[in-house]
Amino acid sequence: MVDKPRGPTSHDIVVWTRRTFGTSRVGHAGTLDPFASGLLVLMVGWATRTSQYLANLSKVYRATIKLGVSTDTDDSTGVVIKQNQGCDELSEQDVREVLKNFEGRISQRPPQYSAKKIRGERMYNKARRGEWVQLDPIEVEVHRIILNEFNSPLVELEIDCSSGTYIRALARDIGEMMGMGAHLTSLRRLSIGKFSVDNSMAAEELREGKLPDQEQQLEITNALGHLGSMEVEGDVALKLRNGMSVKNMNWDHKIGETLVVSSQGELVGMVEVDEEVIRPRKIVPKEIER
């Protein structure tokens, strides 16, 4: 787990990790924009194959929004496209009332400057060429929004949301609902699922070749603790390792559920529950334990 500073891209952190660990197999669970800081969960070696099970975890951010100013990127890196007056007339209670509209299941329009792909091309590349694309709204879930501080025109929030939520779009839409526009001025990711930035190492230390200590890294089984688990006998583990499905003998698990399978203290891998069988999905090479 790494604490990314403002400036470097998420890919820069991956490059530093490859150099420090001496491997090209490095991935991460959720990109952070260069202007954002905070938690990156990195996966090294075989663990990169678990990224799909970590990337969809809920995330918590600390965000600062500036009211009254809209930009083309919806954040402070963009060009100002509109300015409005009226921030001084807002009370803290006004802000709280507007924020209530953004909790729960909401629809949001992705920013024009985003990593979202349209016909195979990143949106930010189209936006840089001046191509404006009509984007379909997406459904996301904001579990909670806490108003930490209101000092007009700045609003500091703590946001607990589903994966895929655009905080820049949230800032834009909050401003629009207030009738004055807004943009994101700072963003810090505090957590991904149970992973906290408080337990992460500084990215600069990683860049200098320092390896994470025990508190800053997790074994695969612990990292995947949010999934269901199953213990199997050695003969079943062997079949799964050989890519064979095995009979489903445990009816407590839901159809389609992903499980972490272990055998005699060793991690076998991830499987998917079917009505009749358990199907191997991501199997750990025999030499890798836990």
C-alpha atoms as a PDB file:
ATOM      1  CA  MET A   1       0.000   0.000   0.000  1.00  0.00           C
ATOM      2  CA  VAL A   2       1.433   3.329  -1.115  1.00  0.00           C
ATOM      3  CA  ASP A   3       0.599   6.963  -0.354  1.00  0.00           C
ATOM      4  CA  LYS A   4       0.774   8.716  -3.735  1.00  0.00           C
ATOM      5  CA  PRO A   5       1.625  12.438  -3.664  1.00  0.00           C
ATOM      6  CA  ARG A   6       0.201  15.046  -6.019  1.00  0.00           C
ATOM      7  CA  GLY A   7       2.101  15.171  -9.304  1.00  0.00           C
ATOM      8  CA  PRO A   8       3.112  11.639 -10.327  1.00  0.00           C
ATOM      9  CA  THR A   9       0.664   9.488 -12.266  1.00  0.00           C
ATOM     10  CA  SER A  10      -0.490   6.124 -10.970  1.00  0.00           C
ATOM     11  CA  HIS A  11       1.598   4.573 -13.743  1.00  0.00           C
ATOM     12  CA  ASP A  12       4.688   6.383 -12.412  1.00  0.00           C
ATOM     13  CA  ILE A  13       4.165   4.616  -9.070  1.00  0.00           C
ATOM     14  CA  VAL A  14       3.862   1.288 -10.885  1.00  0.00           C
ATOM     15  CA  VAL A  15       7.184   1.950 -12.676  1.00  0.00           C
ATOM     16  CA  TRP A  16       8.904   2.724  -9.360  1.00  0.00           C
ATOM     17  CA  THR A  17       7.459  -0.485  -7.880  1.00  0.00           C
ATOM     18  CA  ARG A  18       8.693  -2.577 -10.810  1.00  0.00           C
ATOM     19  CA  ARG A  19      12.201  -1.224 -10.308  1.00  0.00           C
ATOM     20  CA  THR A  20      12.195  -1.767  -6.540  1.00  0.00           C
ATOM     21  CA  PHE A  21      10.755  -5.304  -6.656  1.00  0.00           C
ATOM     22  CA  GLY A  22      12.629  -6.312  -9.805  1.00  0.00           C
ATOM     23  CA  THR A  23       9.544  -7.518 -11.640  1.00  0.00           C
ATOM     24  CA  SER A  24       7.380  -6.282 -14.500  1.00  0.00           C
ATOM     25  CA  ARG A  25       4.248  -7.817 -12.969  1.00  0.00           C
ATOM     26  CA  VAL A  26       2.800  -4.900 -11.012  1.00  0.00           C
ATOM     27  CA  GLY A  27      -0.763  -3.592 -10.996  1.00  0.00           C
ATOM     28  CA  HIS A  28      -2.973  -1.394  -8.842  1.00  0.00           C
ATOM     29  CA  ALA A  29      -6.579  -1.330  -7.608  1.00  0.00           C
ATOM     30  CA  GLY A  30      -7.911   1.977  -8.910  1.00  0.00           C
ATOM     31  CA  THR A  31      -6.233   4.892 -10.687  1.00  0.00           C
ATOM     32  CA  LEU A  32      -5.669   8.293  -9.079  1.00  0.00           C
ATOM     33  CA  ASP A  33      -5.402  11.413 -11.239  1.00  0.00           C
ATOM     34  CA  PRO A  34      -1.983  13.155 -11.126  1.00  0.00           C
ATOM     35  CA  PHE A  35      -3.401  16.083  -9.130  1.00  0.00           C
ATOM     36  CA  ALA A  36      -4.863  13.682  -6.520  1.00  0.00           C
ATOM     37  CA  SER A  37      -3.017  12.079  -3.615  1.00  0.00           C
ATOM     38  CA  GLY A  38      -3.621   9.165  -1.313  1.00  0.00           C
ATOM     39  CA  LEU A  39      -3.928   5.434  -1.258  1.00  0.00           C
ATOM     40  CA  LEU A  40      -2.839   3.165  -4.076  1.00  0.00           C
ATOM     41  CA  VAL A  41      -3.168  -0.573  -3.437  1.00  0.00           C
ATOM     42  CA  LEU A  42      -0.421  -2.255  -5.460  1.00  0.00           C
ATOM     43  CA  MET A  43      -0.252  -5.902  -6.475  1.00  0.00           C
ATOM     44  CA  VAL A  44       3.033  -7.624  -7.311  1.00  0.00           C
ATOM     45  CA  GLY A  45       3.666 -10.900  -9.138  1.00  0.00           C
ATOM     46  CA  TRP A  46       0.830 -13.404  -9.269  1.00  0.00           C
ATOM     47  CA  ALA A  47      -1.267 -11.087  -7.084  1.00  0.00           C
ATOM     48  CA  THR A  48      -1.867  -8.846 -10.125  1.00  0.00           C
ATOM     49  CA  ARG A  49      -4.449 -11.441 -11.184  1.00  0.00           C
ATOM     50  CA  THR A  50      -6.588 -10.479  -8.187  1.00  0.00           C
ATOM     51  CA  SER A  51      -7.057  -6.873  -9.335  1.00  0.00           C
ATOM     52  CA  GLN A  52     -10.651  -7.425 -10.481  1.00  0.00           C
ATOM     53  CA  TYR A  53     -11.600  -8.486  -6.939  1.00  0.00           C
ATOM     54  CA  LEU A  54     -10.061  -5.362  -5.369  1.00  0.00           C
ATOM     55  CA  ALA A  55     -10.828  -2.619  -7.905  1.00  0.00           C
ATOM     56  CA  ASN A  56     -14.582  -2.726  -7.211  1.00  0.00           C
ATOM     57  CA  LEU A  57     -14.306  -2.065  -3.477  1.00  0.00           C
ATOM     58  CA  SER A  58     -15.875   1.108  -2.053  1.00  0.00           C
ATOM     59  CA  LYS A  59     -13.577   4.096  -1.640  1.00  0.00           C
ATOM     60  CA  VAL A  60     -13.391   7.019   0.786  1.00  0.00           C
ATOM     61  CA  TYR A  61     -12.076  10.442  -0.302  1.00  0.00           C
ATOM     62  CA  ARG A  62     -11.414  13.818   1.248  1.00  0.00           C
ATOM     63  CA  ALA A  63     -12.323  16.454  -1.339  1.00  0.00           C
ATOM     64  CA  THR A  64     -12.282  20.244  -1.468  1.00  0.00           C
ATOM     65  CA  ILE A  65     -14.707  21.996  -3.820  1.00  0.00           C
ATOM     66  CA  LYS A  66     -14.566  25.639  -4.890  1.00  0.00           C
ATOM     67  CA  LEU A  67     -17.998  27.110  -5.531  1.00  0.00           C
ATOM     68  CA  GLY A  68     -18.737  29.745  -8.144  1.00  0.00           C
ATOM     69  CA  VAL A  69     -16.079  28.715 -10.676  1.00  0.00           C
ATOM     70  CA  SER A  70     -16.518  26.047 -13.379  1.00  0.00           C
ATOM     71  CA  THR A  71     -13.640  24.586 -15.420  1.00  0.00           C
ATOM     72  CA  ASP A  72     -13.521  22.434 -18.549  1.00  0.00           C
ATOM     73  CA  THR A  73     -11.933  19.547 -16.596  1.00  0.00           C
ATOM     74  CA  ASP A  74     -14.159  19.956 -13.511  1.00  0.00           C
ATOM     75  CA  ASP A  75     -10.990  20.367 -11.433  1.00  0.00           C
ATOM     76  CA  SER A  76      -8.276  22.955 -10.779  1.00  0.00           C
ATOM     77  CA  THR A  77      -6.074  21.755 -13.677  1.00  0.00           C
ATOM     78  CA  GLY A  78      -8.538  23.035 -16.282  1.00  0.00           C
ATOM     79  CA  VAL A  79      -9.459  26.314 -17.927  1.00  0.00           C
ATOM     80  CA  VAL A  80     -12.116  28.475 -16.266  1.00  0.00           C
ATOM     81  CA  ILE A  81     -15.245  28.494 -18.442  1.00  0.00           C
ATOM     82  CA  LYS A  82     -17.736  30.229 -16.156  1.00  0.00           C
ATOM     83  CA  GLN A  83     -17.782  32.296 -12.973  1.00  0.00           C
ATOM     84  CA  ASN A  84     -20.767  33.170 -10.819  1.00  0.00           C
ATOM     85  CA  GLN A  85     -21.392  35.308  -7.775  1.00  0.00           C
ATOM     86  CA  GLY A  86     -23.485  34.446  -4.761  1.00  0.00           C
ATOM     87  CA  CYS A  87     -21.209  32.266  -2.649  1.00  0.00           C
ATOM     88  CA  ASP A  88     -21.226  34.746   0.216  1.00  0.00           C
ATOM     89  CA  GLU A  89     -24.989  34.413   0.501  1.00  0.00           C
ATOM     90  CA  LEU A  90     -24.775  30.671   1.193  1.00  0.00           C
ATOM     91  CA  SER A  91     -25.041  29.343   4.727  1.00  0.00           C
ATOM     92  CA  GLU A  92     -23.671  26.065   6.030  1.00  0.00           C
ATOM     93  CA  GLN A  93     -27.239  24.789   6.275  1.00  0.00           C
ATOM     94  CA  ASP A  94     -27.792  25.603   2.569  1.00  0.00           C
ATOM     95  CA  VAL A  95     -24.804  23.443   1.713  1.00  0.00           C
ATOM     96  CA  ARG A  96     -25.993  20.573   3.911  1.00  0.00           C
ATOM     97  CA  GLU A  97     -29.431  20.620   2.282  1.00  0.00           C
ATOM     98  CA  VAL A  98     -27.917  20.363  -1.208  1.00  0.00           C
ATOM     99  CA  LEU A  99     -25.567  17.534  -0.182  1.00  0.00           C
ATOM    100  CA  LYS A 100     -28.545  15.403   0.880  1.00  0.00           C
ATOM    101  CA  ASN A 101     -29.474  15.096  -2.822  1.00  0.00           C
ATOM    102  CA  PHE A 102     -26.204  13.312  -3.568  1.00  0.00           C
ATOM    103  CA  GLU A 103     -26.436  10.471  -1.083  1.00  0.00           C
ATOM    104  CA  GLY A 104     -27.677   7.063  -2.170  1.00  0.00           C
ATOM    105  CA  ARG A 105     -27.998   5.769  -5.721  1.00  0.00           C
ATOM    106  CA  ILE A 106     -27.391   8.656  -8.108  1.00  0.00           C
ATOM    107  CA  SER A 107     -26.855   9.246 -11.824  1.00  0.00           C
ATOM    108  CA  GLN A 108     -23.848  11.247 -12.972  1.00  0.00           C
ATOM    109  CA  ARG A 109     -22.383  12.299 -16.296  1.00  0.00           C
ATOM    110  CA  PRO A 110     -18.670  11.368 -16.601  1.00  0.00           C
ATOM    111  CA  PRO A 111     -16.303  14.323 -17.088  1.00  0.00           C
ATOM    112  CA  GLN A 112     -15.147  15.064 -20.628  1.00  0.00           C
ATOM    113  CA  TYR A 113     -11.589  14.765 -19.342  1.00  0.00           C
ATOM    114  CA  SER A 114     -11.629  11.202 -18.030  1.00  0.00           C
ATOM    115  CA  ALA A 115     -10.036   7.820 -18.673  1.00  0.00           C
ATOM    116  CA  LYS A 116     -13.365   6.444 -19.889  1.00  0.00           C
ATOM    117  CA  LYS A 117     -13.016   4.874 -23.339  1.00  0.00           C
ATOM    118  CA  ILE A 118     -15.205   5.793 -26.310  1.00  0.00           C
ATOM    119  CA  ARG A 119     -14.690   3.508 -29.304  1.00  0.00           C
ATOM    120  CA  GLY A 120     -11.334   2.436 -27.899  1.00  0.00           C
ATOM    121  CA  GLU A 121      -9.977   5.928 -27.181  1.00  0.00           C
ATOM    122  CA  ARG A 122      -9.615   7.655 -23.815  1.00  0.00           C
ATOM    123  CA  MET A 123     -11.970  10.577 -23.338  1.00  0.00           C
ATOM    124  CA  TYR A 124      -9.197  12.943 -22.267  1.00  0.00           C
ATOM    125  CA  ASN A 125      -7.481  12.511 -25.644  1.00  0.00           C
ATOM    126  CA  LYS A 126     -10.671  13.536 -27.447  1.00  0.00           C
ATOM    127  CA  ALA A 127     -11.190  16.466 -25.072  1.00  0.00           C
ATOM    128  CA  ARG A 128      -7.655  17.747 -25.653  1.00  0.00           C
ATOM    129  CA  ARG A 129      -8.435  17.890 -29.381  1.00  0.00           C
ATOM    130  CA  GLY A 130     -11.556  19.912 -28.620  1.00  0.00           C
ATOM    131  CA  GLU A 131     -13.940  17.034 -29.394  1.00  0.00           C
ATOM    132  CA  TRP A 132     -17.002  17.226 -27.122  1.00  0.00           C
ATOM    133  CA  VAL A 133     -18.803  13.887 -26.742  1.00  0.00           C
ATOM    134  CA  GLN A 134     -22.367  13.393 -25.520  1.00  0.00           C
ATOM    135  CA  LEU A 135     -21.871  10.892 -22.688  1.00  0.00           C
ATOM    136  CA  ASP A 136     -24.555   8.671 -21.239  1.00  0.00           C
ATOM    137  CA  PRO A 137     -24.999   9.041 -17.469  1.00  0.00           C
ATOM    138  CA  ILE A 138     -23.824   6.212 -15.217  1.00  0.00           C
ATOM    139  CA  GLU A 139     -25.328   4.905 -11.992  1.00  0.00           C
ATOM    140  CA  VAL A 140     -23.124   5.091  -8.889  1.00  0.00           C
ATOM    141  CA  GLU A 141     -23.747   4.950  -5.157  1.00  0.00           C
ATOM    142  CA  VAL A 142     -22.658   7.519  -2.595  1.00  0.00           C
ATOM    143  CA  HIS A 143     -22.906   5.826   0.792  1.00  0.00           C
ATOM    144  CA  ARG A 144     -22.389   9.039   2.743  1.00  0.00           C
ATOM    145  CA  ILE A 145     -21.181  12.639   2.390  1.00  0.00           C
ATOM    146  CA  ILE A 146     -19.839  14.394   5.478  1.00  0.00           C
ATOM    147  CA  LEU A 147     -19.375  18.168   5.478  1.00  0.00           C
ATOM    148  CA  ASN A 148     -16.037  18.676   7.240  1.00  0.00           C
ATOM    149  CA  GLU A 149     -15.769  22.432   6.735  1.00  0.00           C
ATOM    150  CA  PHE A 150     -17.495  25.275   4.914  1.00  0.00           C
ATOM    151  CA  ASN A 151     -15.498  28.464   4.425  1.00  0.00           C
ATOM    152  CA  SER A 152     -17.088  30.112   1.392  1.00  0.00           C
ATOM    153  CA  PRO A 153     -16.303  29.562  -1.430  1.00  0.00           C
ATOM    154  CA  LEU A 154     -14.539  26.355  -0.269  1.00  0.00           C
ATOM    155  CA  VAL A 155     -16.356  23.204   0.838  1.00  0.00           C
ATOM    156  CA  GLU A 156     -14.393  20.295   2.327  1.00  0.00           C
ATOM    157  CA  LEU A 157     -16.139  16.925   2.186  1.00  0.00           C
ATOM    158  CA  GLU A 158     -15.499  13.318   3.139  1.00  0.00           C
ATOM    159  CA  ILE A 159     -17.135  11.017   0.588  1.00  0.00           C
ATOM    160  CA  ASP A 160     -17.716   7.273   0.910  1.00  0.00           C
ATOM    161  CA  CYS A 161     -18.750   5.940  -2.503  1.00  0.00           C
ATOM    162  CA  SER A 162     -18.850   2.995  -4.847  1.00  0.00           C
ATOM    163  CA  SER A 163     -16.060   2.242  -7.274  1.00  0.00           C
ATOM    164  CA  GLY A 164     -16.462   4.187 -10.516  1.00  0.00           C
ATOM    165  CA  THR A 165     -17.764   7.366  -8.869  1.00  0.00           C
ATOM    166  CA  TYR A 166     -16.290  10.514 -10.423  1.00  0.00           C
ATOM    167  CA  ILE A 167     -15.586  12.962  -7.587  1.00  0.00           C
ATOM    168  CA  ARG A 168     -14.947  15.731 -10.146  1.00  0.00           C
ATOM    169  CA  ALA A 169     -18.418  15.153 -11.579  1.00  0.00           C
ATOM    170  CA  LEU A 170     -19.843  15.199  -8.051  1.00  0.00           C
ATOM    171  CA  ALA A 171     -18.193  18.592  -7.442  1.00  0.00           C
ATOM    172  CA  ARG A 172     -19.555  19.933 -10.745  1.00  0.00           C
ATOM    173  CA  ASP A 173     -23.075  18.695 -10.054  1.00  0.00           C
ATOM    174  CA  ILE A 174     -23.136  20.039  -6.485  1.00  0.00           C
ATOM    175  CA  GLY A 175     -22.200  23.454  -7.848  1.00  0.00           C
ATOM    176  CA  GLU A 176     -24.838  23.268 -10.556  1.00  0.00           C
ATOM    177  CA  MET A 177     -27.530  22.402  -8.015  1.00  0.00           C
ATOM    178  CA  MET A 178     -26.482  25.462  -6.016  1.00  0.00           C
ATOM    179  CA  GLY A 179     -26.879  27.532  -9.171  1.00  0.00           C
ATOM    180  CA  MET A 180     -23.303  28.753  -9.363  1.00  0.00           C
ATOM    181  CA  GLY A 181     -21.091  25.931 -10.681  1.00  0.00           C
ATOM    182  CA  ALA A 182     -18.047  24.470  -8.928  1.00  0.00           C
ATOM    183  CA  HIS A 183     -14.871  22.493  -9.457  1.00  0.00           C
ATOM    184  CA  LEU A 184     -12.634  20.171  -7.463  1.00  0.00           C
ATOM    185  CA  THR A 185      -9.518  21.826  -6.025  1.00  0.00           C
ATOM    186  CA  SER A 186      -8.016  18.907  -4.093  1.00  0.00           C
ATOM    187  CA  LEU A 187      -8.628  15.197  -3.715  1.00  0.00           C
ATOM    188  CA  ARG A 188      -7.130  12.627  -1.377  1.00  0.00           C
ATOM    189  CA  ARG A 189      -8.102   8.946  -1.226  1.00  0.00           C
ATOM    190  CA  LEU A 190      -8.240   7.766   2.367  1.00  0.00           C
ATOM    191  CA  SER A 191      -9.226   4.137   1.909  1.00  0.00           C
ATOM    192  CA  ILE A 192     -10.159   1.337  -0.473  1.00  0.00           C
ATOM    193  CA  GLY A 193     -12.334  -1.245   1.245  1.00  0.00           C
ATOM    194  CA  LYS A 194     -10.510  -2.121   4.467  1.00  0.00           C
ATOM    195  CA  PHE A 195      -7.180  -0.741   3.192  1.00  0.00           C
ATOM    196  CA  SER A 196      -6.235   2.596   4.797  1.00  0.00           C
ATOM    197  CA  VAL A 197      -3.726   5.213   3.711  1.00  0.00           C
ATOM    198  CA  ASP A 198      -2.658   5.348   7.384  1.00  0.00           C
ATOM    199  CA  ASN A 199      -0.948   1.973   6.891  1.00  0.00           C
ATOM    200  CA  SER A 200       0.766   2.843   3.610  1.00  0.00           C
ATOM    201  CA  MET A 201       4.342   3.791   2.770  1.00  0.00           C
ATOM    202  CA  ALA A 202       5.413   7.046   1.118  1.00  0.00           C
ATOM    203  CA  ALA A 203       5.779   6.710  -2.642  1.00  0.00           C
ATOM    204  CA  GLU A 204       9.153   8.476  -2.526  1.00  0.00           C
ATOM    205  CA  GLU A 205      10.508   5.717  -0.266  1.00  0.00           C
ATOM    206  CA  LEU A 206       9.431   3.165  -2.848  1.00  0.00           C
ATOM    207  CA  ARG A 207      11.088   5.226  -5.576  1.00  0.00           C
ATOM    208  CA  GLU A 208      14.341   5.194  -3.584  1.00  0.00           C
ATOM    209  CA  GLY A 209      14.296   1.396  -3.452  1.00  0.00           C
ATOM    210  CA  LYS A 210      12.853   0.778   0.005  1.00  0.00           C
ATOM    211  CA  LEU A 211      10.624  -2.272   0.375  1.00  0.00           C
ATOM    212  CA  PRO A 212       7.378  -1.995   2.367  1.00  0.00           C
ATOM    213  CA  ASP A 213       7.428  -3.252   5.941  1.00  0.00           C
ATOM    214  CA  GLN A 214       5.043  -5.893   7.260  1.00  0.00           C
ATOM    215  CA  GLU A 215       2.314  -3.395   8.195  1.00  0.00           C
ATOM    216  CA  GLN A 216       2.360  -1.930   4.683  1.00  0.00           C
ATOM    217  CA  GLN A 217       1.778  -5.220   2.863  1.00  0.00           C
ATOM    218  CA  LEU A 218      -0.806  -7.965   3.058  1.00  0.00           C
ATOM    219  CA  GLU A 219      -0.832 -11.604   2.069  1.00  0.00           C
ATOM    220  CA  ILE A 220      -3.282 -12.399  -0.717  1.00  0.00           C
ATOM    221  CA  THR A 221      -5.703 -14.238   1.574  1.00  0.00           C
ATOM    222  CA  ASN A 222      -5.934 -11.231   3.902  1.00  0.00           C
ATOM    223  CA  ALA A 223      -6.305  -8.806   1.012  1.00  0.00           C
ATOM    224  CA  LEU A 224      -9.229 -10.866  -0.280  1.00  0.00           C
ATOM    225  CA  GLY A 225     -10.860 -11.168   3.141  1.00  0.00           C
ATOM    226  CA  HIS A 226     -14.043  -9.475   1.841  1.00  0.00           C
ATOM    227  CA  LEU A 227     -14.752 -12.576  -0.275  1.00  0.00           C
ATOM    228  CA  GLY A 228     -16.209 -15.847   0.962  1.00  0.00           C
ATOM    229  CA  SER A 229     -13.795 -18.691   1.689  1.00  0.00           C
ATOM    230  CA  MET A 230     -13.680 -22.452   1.410  1.00  0.00           C
ATOM    231  CA  GLU A 231     -11.297 -25.125   2.725  1.00  0.00           C
ATOM    232  CA  VAL A 232     -10.857 -28.216   0.525  1.00  0.00           C
ATOM    233  CA  GLU A 233      -9.052 -31.556   0.725  1.00  0.00           C
ATOM    234  CA  GLY A 234      -5.818 -32.156  -1.126  1.00  0.00           C
ATOM    235  CA  ASP A 235      -7.398 -34.174  -3.964  1.00  0.00           C
ATOM    236  CA  VAL A 236      -9.927 -31.403  -4.646  1.00  0.00           C
ATOM    237  CA  ALA A 237      -7.152 -28.791  -4.574  1.00  0.00           C
ATOM    238  CA  LEU A 238      -5.201 -30.832  -7.132  1.00  0.00           C
ATOM    239  CA  LYS A 239      -8.168 -30.955  -9.512  1.00  0.00           C
ATOM    240  CA  LEU A 240      -8.710 -27.208  -9.220  1.00  0.00           C
ATOM    241  CA  ARG A 241      -4.997 -26.567  -9.814  1.00  0.00           C
ATOM    242  CA  ASN A 242      -5.292 -28.662 -12.976  1.00  0.00           C
ATOM    243  CA  GLY A 243      -8.151 -26.485 -14.213  1.00  0.00           C
ATOM    244  CA  MET A 244     -10.891 -29.013 -13.465  1.00  0.00           C
ATOM    245  CA  SER A 245     -14.284 -28.162 -11.982  1.00  0.00           C
ATOM    246  CA  VAL A 246     -15.334 -30.089  -8.871  1.00  0.00           C
ATOM    247  CA  LYS A 247     -18.731 -31.053  -7.558  1.00  0.00           C
ATOM    248  CA  ASN A 248     -20.482 -28.408  -5.443  1.00  0.00           C
ATOM    249  CA  MET A 249     -20.987 -30.022  -2.037  1.00  0.00           C
ATOM    250  CA  ASN A 250     -21.706 -26.802  -0.101  1.00  0.00           C
ATOM    251  CA  TRP A 251     -25.145 -25.347  -0.764  1.00  0.00           C
ATOM    252  CA  ASP A 252     -24.612 -22.416   1.611  1.00  0.00           C
ATOM    253  CA  HIS A 253     -22.835 -20.407  -1.085  1.00  0.00           C
ATOM    254  CA  LYS A 254     -24.746 -18.381  -3.662  1.00  0.00           C
ATOM    255  CA  ILE A 255     -24.709 -19.173  -7.370  1.00  0.00           C
ATOM    256  CA  GLY A 256     -22.148 -16.902  -9.038  1.00  0.00           C
ATOM    257  CA  GLU A 257     -20.312 -16.136  -5.767  1.00  0.00           C
ATOM    258  CA  THR A 258     -16.523 -15.905  -5.852  1.00  0.00           C
ATOM    259  CA  LEU A 259     -14.685 -17.825  -3.113  1.00  0.00           C
ATOM    260  CA  VAL A 260     -11.088 -17.917  -1.923  1.00  0.00           C
ATOM    261  CA  VAL A 261     -10.053 -21.577  -1.671  1.00  0.00           C
ATOM    262  CA  SER A 262      -7.331 -22.917   0.637  1.00  0.00           C
ATOM    263  CA  SER A 263      -6.026 -26.386   1.336  1.00  0.00           C
ATOM    264  CA  GLN A 264      -3.889 -27.355   4.339  1.00  0.00           C
ATOM    265  CA  GLY A 265      -2.858 -23.755   4.936  1.00  0.00           C
ATOM    266  CA  GLU A 266      -1.987 -23.046   1.288  1.00  0.00           C
ATOM    267  CA  LEU A 267      -3.897 -20.722  -1.033  1.00  0.00           C
ATOM    268  CA  VAL A 268      -5.309 -22.597  -4.025  1.00  0.00           C
ATOM    269  CA  GLY A 269      -6.964 -19.643  -5.728  1.00  0.00           C
ATOM    270  CA  MET A 270     -10.345 -18.143  -6.567  1.00  0.00           C
ATOM    271  CA  VAL A 271     -13.311 -20.175  -7.764  1.00  0.00           C
ATOM    272  CA  GLU A 272     -16.846 -19.419  -8.882  1.00  0.00           C
ATOM    273  CA  VAL A 273     -19.879 -21.243  -7.512  1.00  0.00           C
ATOM    274  CA  ASP A 274     -22.188 -22.830 -10.073  1.00  0.00           C
ATOM    275  CA  GLU A 275     -25.352 -24.779  -9.391  1.00  0.00           C
ATOM    276  CA  GLU A 276     -23.691 -28.158  -9.808  1.00  0.00           C
ATOM    277  CA  VAL A 277     -19.959 -27.458  -9.667  1.00  0.00           C
ATOM    278  CA  ILE A 278     -17.212 -25.177  -8.374  1.00  0.00           C
ATOM    279  CA  ARG A 279     -15.266 -23.698 -11.306  1.00  0.00           C
ATOM    280  CA  PRO A 280     -11.612 -22.566 -11.035  1.00  0.00           C
ATOM    281  CA  ARG A 281     -11.096 -18.920 -12.046  1.00  0.00           C
ATOM    282  CA  LYS A 282      -7.697 -17.727 -10.761  1.00  0.00           C
ATOM    283  CA  ILE A 283      -5.417 -20.533  -9.594  1.00  0.00           C
ATOM    284  CA  VAL A 284      -2.183 -19.915  -7.681  1.00  0.00           C
ATOM    285  CA  PRO A 285       0.947 -21.697  -8.967  1.00  0.00           C
ATOM    286  CA  LYS A 286       1.919 -24.436  -6.521  1.00  0.00           C
ATOM    287  CA  GLU A 287       5.143 -22.714  -5.432  1.00  0.00           C
ATOM    288  CA  ILE A 288       3.261 -19.616  -4.182  1.00  0.00           C
ATOM    289  CA  GLU A 289       1.906 -19.966  -0.638  1.00  0.00           C
ATOM    290  CA  ARG A 290      -0.747 -17.754   0.996  1.00  0.00           C
END
